[in-house]
């Protein structure tokens, strides 16, 4: 399962209580890919202040969408770990 599939099929938004739409999942995936390309995120298991500072240097992040992207990705990785342990 890839990250976009996790967002559309498994993850439930706390705000809307629904899965994300495909277009939103694609936007989150694009944000993640760009943060990896820019060296902001390197598969850390927690979002440090250093990561948040790097995000602020590159992006406006007005609605916290870049930090949320990393939060969702970390939850996705944990979900994959639980699947492989079963």
Protein backbone atom coordinates (compact mmCIF):
# COMPACT_ATOMS: atom_id res chain seq x y z
CA UNK A 1 0.00 0.00 0.00
CA UNK A 2 1.37 3.39 -0.92
CA UNK A 3 0.95 6.66 0.97
CA UNK A 4 -1.86 7.98 -1.24
CA UNK A 5 -3.86 4.75 -0.87
CA UNK A 6 -3.42 4.92 2.90
CA UNK A 7 -4.85 8.45 2.93
CA UNK A 8 -7.85 7.57 0.76
CA UNK A 9 -8.64 4.11 2.18
CA UNK A 10 -7.36 3.85 5.77
CA UNK A 11 -6.76 7.26 7.33
CA UNK A 12 -9.80 9.01 8.83
CA UNK A 13 -9.66 12.79 9.19
CA UNK A 14 -10.29 13.97 12.74
CA UNK A 15 -11.99 17.10 11.43
CA UNK A 16 -14.32 15.62 8.82
CA UNK A 17 -14.50 12.01 10.10
CA UNK A 18 -13.99 10.77 6.51
CA UNK A 19 -11.18 9.48 4.31
CA UNK A 20 -9.32 12.02 2.24
CA UNK A 21 -10.30 12.56 -1.38
CA UNK A 22 -7.89 11.41 -4.08
CA UNK A 23 -6.92 14.97 -5.05
CA UNK A 24 -6.06 15.77 -1.41
CA UNK A 25 -4.06 12.56 -1.05
CA UNK A 26 -2.11 13.46 -4.19
CA UNK A 27 -1.38 16.94 -2.81
CA UNK A 28 -0.08 15.44 0.45
CA UNK A 29 2.07 12.99 -1.49
CA UNK A 30 3.49 15.81 -3.65
CA UNK A 31 4.31 17.84 -0.53
CA UNK A 32 6.07 14.83 0.98
CA UNK A 33 8.10 14.16 -2.18
CA UNK A 34 9.18 17.81 -2.36
CA UNK A 35 10.21 17.90 1.30
CA UNK A 36 12.30 14.76 0.74
CA UNK A 37 13.91 16.27 -2.39
CA UNK A 38 14.80 19.44 -0.47
CA UNK A 39 16.30 17.45 2.41
CA UNK A 40 13.72 18.68 4.90
CA UNK A 41 12.54 15.17 5.76
CA UNK A 42 14.70 12.03 5.85
CA UNK A 43 12.40 9.33 7.28
CA UNK A 44 12.62 10.57 10.86
CA UNK A 45 10.07 9.03 13.22
CA UNK A 46 9.23 12.32 14.92
CA UNK A 47 8.78 15.88 13.71
CA UNK A 48 11.53 17.90 15.38
CA UNK A 49 11.78 21.65 15.76
CA UNK A 50 14.61 21.54 13.22
CA UNK A 51 12.24 20.03 10.64
CA UNK A 52 9.60 22.65 11.44
CA UNK A 53 12.20 25.40 11.03
CA UNK A 54 13.27 24.01 7.65
CA UNK A 55 9.63 23.89 6.56
CA UNK A 56 9.25 27.55 7.55
CA UNK A 57 12.27 28.48 5.43
CA UNK A 58 10.85 26.91 2.27
CA UNK A 59 7.07 27.15 2.64
CA UNK A 60 4.41 29.48 4.01
CA UNK A 61 2.70 26.56 5.85
CA UNK A 62 -0.16 28.83 6.90
CA UNK A 63 -2.56 26.01 7.62
CA UNK A 64 0.13 23.66 8.93
CA UNK A 65 -0.31 21.46 5.85
CA UNK A 66 3.39 20.56 5.58
CA UNK A 67 3.70 19.49 9.20
CA UNK A 68 0.39 17.62 8.82
CA UNK A 69 1.82 15.86 5.77
CA UNK A 70 4.73 14.55 7.81
CA UNK A 71 2.41 13.58 10.65
CA UNK A 72 0.24 11.58 8.25
CA UNK A 73 3.32 9.96 6.67
CA UNK A 74 4.72 8.91 10.05
CA UNK A 75 1.31 7.40 10.92
CA UNK A 76 1.36 5.62 7.55
CA UNK A 77 4.79 4.12 8.27
CA UNK A 78 3.59 2.94 11.70
CA UNK A 79 0.52 1.41 10.07
CA UNK A 80 2.77 -0.53 7.68
CA UNK A 81 4.88 -1.75 10.60
CA UNK A 82 1.78 -3.11 12.38
CA UNK A 83 0.70 -4.90 9.19
CA UNK A 84 4.08 -6.63 8.85
CA UNK A 85 4.03 -7.70 12.52
CA UNK A 86 0.69 -9.47 12.16
